[in-house]
């Protein structure tokens, strides 16, 4: 019991559209993350010198995110220099994996208190910056998996294999915006958001939600990935993926305070959730985005639960075909899947999305009185993380 890891708190920045001139684009990523860290530390009256480690996810560790941005954010807050930091890069699941590492380190007795989360300023460090135009695969990989495609084409292949139509994806995407807007209007997003100071003033709400979105409006958008080469290579695809039924390029940061039960009790902190099971798995790198399905099956087995016992489910909306394919195979209650909207509406700041989803899941459980939450995320290269938590 003493080493049982628990979530004491979890918060995020507002989500800003990830292009120059948008809400958070004038904020250095270290300064954005710093403000979320400070918000979590201060609202829990935590002595920062007690933190054992900072574990932060970031995908594009280049440019302004090239050094351990968690370390510069921490030191920029004026916090003690003895607290270390490391960065995690497991693609879109980077901050979810950071939370896994934090919880596993606590369970092993290595830590008492960890701040785990992530950062991605996609307006300032564009996706793919770390590659610098180079081939990241090498010859042996290319020989085994020739012609690997981008995630957008993988999303199209999933839609084709699972029989998911353009109409299905657009309807699902409109639902994401509608649910997120309802959560915002009801004030349900406020608890998880820490305002960010920018040169243009304070940002307190998500910039990404489009309240007027309808399936009919989304149907007017052009498809994004059907160039002549891809159309010839994949004649089975009925091209359907658009900017409107995909996650938004986004700026954002998110942080969880993870402690042992013993440390929480000693410091007078109130745990909000405990960890039940973890999983991480690989799957077909061509389809790339299907691994949440086996990850879910494995994490449920580890937890000794079935999907009907899960009260709140977060499947990252990288593309609408991903949660729709997952739903087709897992057969969850559709009302429990991303019930506060997902990345199509809220955005997908790559390295920060894992703890963003976890914040949504924990707050959703508390709003409904649910017991168990399950989160899973597809990750480039055919990877996925899955986590089950139990509300306390």
Protein backbone atom coordinates (compact mmCIF):
# COMPACT_ATOMS: atom_id res chain seq x y z
CA UNK A 1 0.00 0.00 0.00
CA UNK A 2 2.79 2.43 0.85
CA UNK A 3 4.13 2.37 -2.72
CA UNK A 4 0.75 2.36 -4.48
CA UNK A 5 0.86 5.15 -7.10
CA UNK A 6 -2.05 7.59 -7.21
CA UNK A 7 -3.03 10.65 -9.21
CA UNK A 8 -3.35 13.62 -6.89
CA UNK A 9 -3.99 16.21 -9.57
CA UNK A 10 -3.87 16.68 -13.33
CA UNK A 11 -4.22 19.81 -15.41
CA UNK A 12 -3.54 21.29 -18.81
CA UNK A 13 -3.20 24.52 -20.67
CA UNK A 14 -5.96 25.70 -22.95
CA UNK A 15 -5.56 24.22 -26.42
CA UNK A 16 -4.33 26.72 -29.03
CA UNK A 17 -4.41 26.23 -32.77
CA UNK A 18 -0.94 25.23 -33.84
CA UNK A 19 -0.07 27.91 -36.34
CA UNK A 20 1.52 31.37 -36.14
CA UNK A 21 -0.77 34.12 -34.94
CA UNK A 22 -2.97 31.85 -32.83
CA UNK A 23 -3.64 31.94 -29.09
CA UNK A 24 -0.46 30.32 -27.74
CA UNK A 25 1.92 30.75 -30.65
CA UNK A 26 3.80 33.65 -29.02
CA UNK A 27 4.62 31.59 -25.92
CA UNK A 28 7.90 29.66 -25.80
CA UNK A 29 7.15 25.97 -25.11
CA UNK A 30 9.21 26.04 -21.91
CA UNK A 31 7.19 29.00 -20.67
CA UNK A 32 3.90 27.31 -21.52
CA UNK A 33 4.90 24.16 -19.65
CA UNK A 34 6.30 26.23 -16.79
CA UNK A 35 2.94 27.87 -16.20
CA UNK A 36 1.13 24.52 -16.04
CA UNK A 37 3.74 23.09 -13.67
CA UNK A 38 3.45 26.13 -11.41
CA UNK A 39 -0.33 25.89 -11.48
CA UNK A 40 -0.26 22.25 -10.36
CA UNK A 41 2.38 22.87 -7.67
CA UNK A 42 0.60 25.91 -6.24
CA UNK A 43 -2.93 24.58 -6.19
CA UNK A 44 -1.71 21.57 -4.22
CA UNK A 45 0.49 23.61 -1.85
CA UNK A 46 3.33 21.30 -2.79
CA UNK A 47 6.88 21.99 -1.66
CA UNK A 48 8.70 21.75 -5.03
CA UNK A 49 11.84 20.55 -3.32
CA UNK A 50 10.08 17.27 -2.49
CA UNK A 51 9.62 16.29 -6.15
CA UNK A 52 11.78 13.27 -6.99
CA UNK A 53 11.67 13.54 -10.78
CA UNK A 54 10.06 15.33 -13.69
CA UNK A 55 9.14 13.09 -16.63
CA UNK A 56 7.85 14.96 -19.67
CA UNK A 57 6.80 13.81 -23.12
CA UNK A 58 7.63 15.70 -26.30
CA UNK A 59 7.64 14.42 -29.88
CA UNK A 60 9.51 17.12 -31.81
CA UNK A 61 12.58 17.52 -29.61
CA UNK A 62 14.16 20.10 -31.89
CA UNK A 63 14.56 23.86 -31.99
CA UNK A 64 12.97 25.42 -28.91
CA UNK A 65 12.15 21.91 -27.67
CA UNK A 66 15.64 20.50 -28.29
CA UNK A 67 16.89 20.49 -24.70
CA UNK A 68 15.00 18.84 -21.80
CA UNK A 69 12.16 21.33 -21.90
CA UNK A 70 10.79 19.98 -18.63
CA UNK A 71 14.07 20.99 -16.97
CA UNK A 72 14.10 24.50 -18.40
CA UNK A 73 10.42 24.94 -17.50
CA UNK A 74 11.13 23.83 -13.92
CA UNK A 75 14.15 26.06 -13.48
CA UNK A 76 12.34 28.94 -15.15
CA UNK A 77 9.74 28.65 -12.40
CA UNK A 78 12.45 29.33 -9.83
CA UNK A 79 12.23 25.83 -8.39
CA UNK A 80 15.15 23.89 -6.79
CA UNK A 81 18.00 22.85 -9.07
CA UNK A 82 18.39 19.44 -7.42
CA UNK A 83 15.14 18.13 -8.97
CA UNK A 84 16.03 16.18 -12.14
CA UNK A 85 14.14 15.78 -15.39
CA UNK A 86 14.00 13.39 -18.31
CA UNK A 87 12.10 13.47 -21.59
CA UNK A 88 10.04 10.69 -23.19
CA UNK A 89 9.31 10.26 -26.88
CA UNK A 90 6.74 7.56 -27.63
CA UNK A 91 5.12 9.55 -30.40
CA UNK A 92 1.54 10.62 -29.66
CA UNK A 93 1.54 8.61 -26.42
CA UNK A 94 4.61 10.35 -24.99
CA UNK A 95 2.94 11.93 -21.96
CA UNK A 96 0.78 8.88 -21.30
CA UNK A 97 4.01 6.88 -21.22
CA UNK A 98 5.52 9.53 -18.91
CA UNK A 99 2.68 8.87 -16.47
CA UNK A 100 3.26 5.12 -16.79
CA UNK A 101 6.94 5.57 -15.97
CA UNK A 102 6.09 7.79 -13.01
CA UNK A 103 3.59 5.29 -11.58
CA UNK A 104 5.88 2.33 -12.21
CA UNK A 105 8.79 4.12 -10.54
CA UNK A 106 6.65 4.81 -7.49
CA UNK A 107 5.42 1.20 -7.36
CA UNK A 108 9.05 0.07 -7.50
CA UNK A 109 9.93 2.29 -4.56
CA UNK A 110 12.22 4.57 -6.58
CA UNK A 111 10.06 7.68 -6.21
CA UNK A 112 7.51 9.23 -3.88
CA UNK A 113 6.49 12.27 -5.91
CA UNK A 114 6.70 12.82 -9.69
CA UNK A 115 5.41 15.42 -12.08
CA UNK A 116 4.62 13.68 -15.38
CA UNK A 117 3.17 15.24 -18.49
CA UNK A 118 4.07 16.72 -21.83
CA UNK A 119 4.47 19.70 -24.11
CA UNK A 120 4.15 20.41 -27.81
CA UNK A 121 4.20 23.83 -29.45
CA UNK A 122 3.33 22.83 -33.00
CA UNK A 123 3.16 26.45 -34.16
CA UNK A 124 6.78 27.06 -33.12
CA UNK A 125 8.27 23.59 -33.65
CA UNK A 126 6.35 22.09 -36.58
CA UNK A 127 5.64 18.37 -36.73
CA UNK A 128 8.57 16.53 -38.30
CA UNK A 129 11.16 19.15 -37.29
CA UNK A 130 13.34 16.55 -35.59
CA UNK A 131 13.87 14.68 -38.87
CA UNK A 132 15.57 17.64 -40.57
CA UNK A 133 14.49 16.20 -43.93
CA UNK A 134 16.32 12.91 -43.35
CA UNK A 135 15.15 9.32 -43.76
CA UNK A 136 14.46 8.00 -40.24
CA UNK A 137 14.04 4.34 -41.21
CA UNK A 138 17.23 2.91 -42.72
CA UNK A 139 17.61 0.23 -45.38
CA UNK A 140 16.75 -2.86 -43.31
CA UNK A 141 13.45 -1.39 -42.17
CA UNK A 142 12.57 -0.33 -45.72
CA UNK A 143 13.34 -3.83 -47.00
CA UNK A 144 10.99 -5.36 -44.44
CA UNK A 145 8.28 -2.68 -44.72
CA UNK A 146 8.61 -1.14 -48.18
CA UNK A 147 6.61 1.92 -49.00
CA UNK A 148 5.54 2.89 -45.48
CA UNK A 149 2.92 5.64 -45.73
CA UNK A 150 2.00 8.63 -43.60
CA UNK A 151 -0.63 8.49 -40.89
CA UNK A 152 -3.30 10.07 -43.06
CA UNK A 153 -3.10 7.26 -45.60
CA UNK A 154 -3.06 4.75 -42.73
CA UNK A 155 -6.29 6.32 -41.48
CA UNK A 156 -7.74 5.83 -44.98
CA UNK A 157 -6.64 2.18 -45.02
CA UNK A 158 -8.35 1.64 -41.66
CA UNK A 159 -11.56 3.19 -42.96
CA UNK A 160 -11.43 0.89 -45.99
CA UNK A 161 -10.70 -2.26 -43.99
CA UNK A 162 -13.37 -1.59 -41.36
CA UNK A 163 -15.97 -0.31 -43.83
CA UNK A 164 -16.14 3.16 -42.26
CA UNK A 165 -17.76 5.72 -44.56
CA UNK A 166 -17.09 9.43 -45.01
CA UNK A 167 -20.54 10.04 -43.53
CA UNK A 168 -19.63 7.99 -40.44
CA UNK A 169 -16.43 9.97 -39.92
CA UNK A 170 -18.03 13.36 -40.44
CA UNK A 171 -20.91 12.55 -38.07
CA UNK A 172 -18.46 11.35 -35.43
CA UNK A 173 -16.34 14.50 -35.86
CA UNK A 174 -19.32 16.83 -35.50
CA UNK A 175 -20.21 14.94 -32.30
CA UNK A 176 -16.71 15.62 -30.94
CA UNK A 177 -17.16 19.38 -31.35
CA UNK A 178 -20.68 19.33 -29.95
CA UNK A 179 -19.68 17.37 -26.84
CA UNK A 180 -16.63 19.54 -26.22
CA UNK A 181 -18.68 22.71 -26.61
CA UNK A 182 -21.31 21.40 -24.21
CA UNK A 183 -18.60 20.59 -21.66
CA UNK A 184 -17.20 24.09 -22.05
CA UNK A 185 -20.62 25.73 -21.73
CA UNK A 186 -21.34 23.69 -18.60
CA UNK A 187 -18.05 24.77 -17.04
CA UNK A 188 -16.80 21.19 -16.94
CA UNK A 189 -13.50 22.01 -18.65
CA UNK A 190 -12.58 24.77 -16.22
CA UNK A 191 -11.21 22.47 -13.49
CA UNK A 192 -8.62 20.93 -15.78
CA UNK A 193 -7.46 24.17 -17.45
CA UNK A 194 -4.70 26.42 -16.12
CA UNK A 195 -4.73 29.85 -17.78
CA UNK A 196 -1.65 30.80 -19.79
CA UNK A 197 -0.22 34.31 -19.85
CA UNK A 198 0.81 35.37 -23.35
CA UNK A 199 2.15 38.63 -24.81
CA UNK A 200 -1.38 39.25 -26.03
CA UNK A 201 -3.06 38.60 -22.69
CA UNK A 202 -4.32 35.67 -20.68
CA UNK A 203 -5.74 32.62 -22.51
CA UNK A 204 -8.32 30.74 -20.45
CA UNK A 205 -10.31 28.65 -22.94
CA UNK A 206 -9.66 26.24 -25.78
CA UNK A 207 -9.29 27.96 -29.14
CA UNK A 208 -9.90 24.76 -31.08
CA UNK A 209 -13.58 23.97 -30.43
CA UNK A 210 -15.86 24.99 -33.30
CA UNK A 211 -19.35 25.11 -31.83
CA UNK A 212 -21.07 25.50 -35.19
CA UNK A 213 -19.59 22.33 -36.70
CA UNK A 214 -22.09 20.01 -38.40
CA UNK A 215 -21.71 16.82 -40.38
CA UNK A 216 -23.23 18.62 -43.36
CA UNK A 217 -20.59 21.33 -43.17
CA UNK A 218 -17.77 18.81 -42.83
CA UNK A 219 -19.04 16.98 -45.90
CA UNK A 220 -18.06 20.01 -48.01
CA UNK A 221 -14.35 19.72 -47.19
CA UNK A 222 -11.87 18.29 -49.66
CA UNK A 223 -10.04 15.06 -48.89
CA UNK A 224 -6.41 15.47 -47.87
CA UNK A 225 -4.34 12.50 -49.00
CA UNK A 226 -5.59 11.22 -52.37
CA UNK A 227 -2.76 12.25 -54.70
CA UNK A 228 -2.30 10.30 -57.94
CA UNK A 229 0.47 8.08 -56.56
CA UNK A 230 -1.52 7.03 -53.49
CA UNK A 231 -4.74 6.54 -55.47
CA UNK A 232 -2.94 4.20 -57.87
CA UNK A 233 -1.23 2.28 -55.09
CA UNK A 234 -4.38 1.82 -52.98
CA UNK A 235 -7.34 1.38 -55.34
CA UNK A 236 -9.40 -0.07 -52.47
CA UNK A 237 -9.57 3.29 -50.71
CA UNK A 238 -12.65 5.47 -51.06
CA UNK A 239 -10.79 8.63 -50.05
CA UNK A 240 -12.57 10.19 -47.06
CA UNK A 241 -10.09 11.73 -44.60
CA UNK A 242 -10.23 15.53 -44.39
CA UNK A 243 -8.94 18.22 -42.08
CA UNK A 244 -12.40 18.20 -40.48
CA UNK A 245 -12.43 14.53 -39.47
CA UNK A 246 -8.82 14.55 -38.26
CA UNK A 247 -7.21 15.86 -35.08
CA UNK A 248 -6.12 19.47 -35.07
CA UNK A 249 -2.50 20.63 -35.07
CA UNK A 250 -2.29 22.25 -31.66
CA UNK A 251 -0.18 23.98 -29.02
CA UNK A 252 -0.58 22.72 -25.46
CA UNK A 253 0.92 21.40 -22.24
CA UNK A 254 -0.37 19.06 -19.55
CA UNK A 255 0.92 17.84 -16.17
CA UNK A 256 -0.08 15.18 -13.65
CA UNK A 257 1.00 15.06 -10.01
CA UNK A 258 1.61 11.37 -9.26
CA UNK A 259 2.58 10.27 -5.76
CA UNK A 260 2.68 7.22 -3.57
CA UNK A 261 -0.29 6.78 -1.24
CA UNK A 262 2.11 7.13 1.67
CA UNK A 263 3.43 10.48 0.41
CA UNK A 264 -0.08 11.76 -0.25
CA UNK A 265 -1.12 10.84 3.29
CA UNK A 266 2.02 12.36 4.79
CA UNK A 267 1.53 15.65 2.93
CA UNK A 268 -2.22 15.88 3.46
CA UNK A 269 -2.93 15.51 -0.28
CA UNK A 270 -6.14 13.88 -1.48
CA UNK A 271 -5.68 11.19 -4.15
CA UNK A 272 -8.20 11.34 -6.97
CA UNK A 273 -7.46 8.03 -8.72
CA UNK A 274 -5.34 4.92 -8.52
CA UNK A 275 -3.77 2.95 -11.33
CA UNK A 276 -5.26 -0.45 -12.12
CA UNK A 277 -3.34 -1.65 -15.20
CA UNK A 278 -0.95 -0.52 -17.94
CA UNK A 279 -0.16 -1.79 -21.41
CA UNK A 280 1.98 -0.83 -24.36
CA UNK A 281 2.08 -2.78 -27.61
CA UNK A 282 3.10 -2.65 -31.25
CA UNK A 283 1.04 -3.52 -34.33
CA UNK A 284 1.23 -3.33 -38.14
CA UNK A 285 3.36 -0.26 -39.07
CA UNK A 286 1.51 0.19 -42.37
CA UNK A 287 -1.93 0.43 -40.80
CA UNK A 288 -0.06 2.16 -37.95
CA UNK A 289 -3.09 3.34 -35.96
CA UNK A 290 -4.71 0.01 -35.04
CA UNK A 291 -2.68 -0.86 -31.93
CA UNK A 292 -5.28 0.64 -29.50
CA UNK A 293 -7.43 -2.42 -30.22
CA UNK A 294 -4.98 -5.08 -28.94
CA UNK A 295 -3.75 -2.69 -26.24
CA UNK A 296 -7.30 -2.41 -24.94
CA UNK A 297 -7.80 -6.16 -25.00
CA UNK A 298 -4.58 -6.73 -23.10
CA UNK A 299 -5.08 -4.02 -20.49
CA UNK A 300 -8.60 -5.27 -19.74
CA UNK A 301 -7.22 -8.78 -19.26
CA UNK A 302 -4.49 -7.50 -16.95
CA UNK A 303 -7.11 -5.64 -14.91
CA UNK A 304 -9.52 -8.58 -14.79
CA UNK A 305 -12.26 -6.36 -16.21
CA UNK A 306 -14.53 -6.38 -19.24
CA UNK A 307 -15.41 -3.37 -21.35
CA UNK A 308 -18.87 -3.15 -19.81
CA UNK A 309 -17.29 -2.28 -16.46
CA UNK A 310 -15.50 0.76 -17.89
CA UNK A 311 -17.44 3.94 -17.19
CA UNK A 312 -15.37 6.44 -19.18
CA UNK A 313 -13.28 5.69 -22.27
CA UNK A 314 -10.79 7.94 -24.03
CA UNK A 315 -9.56 6.76 -27.44
CA UNK A 316 -7.47 9.48 -29.01
CA UNK A 317 -9.17 10.96 -32.04
CA UNK A 318 -6.08 11.14 -34.23
CA UNK A 319 -8.47 10.53 -37.12
CA UNK A 320 -12.15 9.67 -36.86
CA UNK A 321 -11.54 6.23 -38.34
CA UNK A 322 -9.38 5.28 -35.32
CA UNK A 323 -12.03 5.36 -32.55
CA UNK A 324 -14.66 4.08 -35.00
CA UNK A 325 -12.56 1.01 -35.85
CA UNK A 326 -11.80 0.54 -32.15
CA UNK A 327 -15.51 0.74 -31.34
CA UNK A 328 -16.32 -1.77 -34.07
CA UNK A 329 -14.03 -4.39 -32.49
CA UNK A 330 -14.36 -3.63 -28.77
CA UNK A 331 -18.15 -3.03 -28.70
CA UNK A 332 -18.13 -0.43 -25.93
CA UNK A 333 -21.15 1.64 -25.00
CA UNK A 334 -20.89 4.51 -27.54
CA UNK A 335 -22.08 7.03 -24.94
CA UNK A 336 -19.00 6.25 -22.82
CA UNK A 337 -16.53 6.83 -25.67
CA UNK A 338 -14.95 10.31 -25.59
CA UNK A 339 -18.04 11.79 -23.91
CA UNK A 340 -16.46 15.25 -23.48
CA UNK A 341 -15.17 15.47 -27.04
CA UNK A 342 -11.73 14.50 -28.24
CA UNK A 343 -8.77 15.62 -30.31
CA UNK A 344 -10.92 16.43 -33.36
CA UNK A 345 -12.44 19.24 -31.30
CA UNK A 346 -9.86 19.88 -28.58
CA UNK A 347 -6.75 19.36 -30.65
CA UNK A 348 -3.73 17.07 -30.51
CA UNK A 349 -0.54 18.72 -29.18
CA UNK A 350 1.43 15.52 -29.72
CA UNK A 351 3.62 15.27 -26.63
CA UNK A 352 0.94 16.69 -24.34
CA UNK A 353 -2.06 14.70 -25.50
CA UNK A 354 -1.64 11.69 -23.22
CA UNK A 355 -2.10 13.65 -20.02
CA UNK A 356 -4.72 15.85 -21.71
CA UNK A 357 -6.83 12.74 -22.30
CA UNK A 358 -6.14 11.54 -18.77
CA UNK A 359 -7.35 14.86 -17.36
CA UNK A 360 -10.54 14.54 -19.38
CA UNK A 361 -11.03 10.95 -18.22
CA UNK A 362 -10.50 11.64 -14.53
CA UNK A 363 -12.71 14.71 -14.53
CA UNK A 364 -15.33 12.80 -16.48
CA UNK A 365 -15.35 10.01 -13.90
CA UNK A 366 -15.75 12.54 -11.11
CA UNK A 367 -18.60 14.29 -12.91
CA UNK A 368 -20.59 11.09 -13.38
CA UNK A 369 -19.53 9.14 -10.30
CA UNK A 370 -18.02 6.44 -12.52
CA UNK A 371 -15.49 4.00 -11.13
CA UNK A 372 -13.17 2.86 -13.94
CA UNK A 373 -11.66 4.79 -16.85
CA UNK A 374 -9.73 3.41 -19.82
CA UNK A 375 -7.46 5.48 -22.06
CA UNK A 376 -5.65 4.38 -25.19
CA UNK A 377 -3.77 6.21 -27.92
CA UNK A 378 -2.51 5.24 -31.34
CA UNK A 379 1.11 6.20 -31.94
CA UNK A 380 3.18 6.51 -35.11
CA UNK A 381 4.94 3.34 -36.19
CA UNK A 382 2.10 1.08 -35.05
CA UNK A 383 2.31 1.59 -31.27
CA UNK A 384 -0.27 2.18 -28.55
CA UNK A 385 -0.43 2.74 -24.81
CA UNK A 386 -3.40 1.82 -22.64
CA UNK A 387 -4.15 2.75 -19.03
CA UNK A 388 -6.96 1.84 -16.65
CA UNK A 389 -7.53 4.03 -13.60
CA UNK A 390 -10.01 3.77 -10.75
CA UNK A 391 -11.58 6.88 -9.29
CA UNK A 392 -11.10 7.18 -5.53
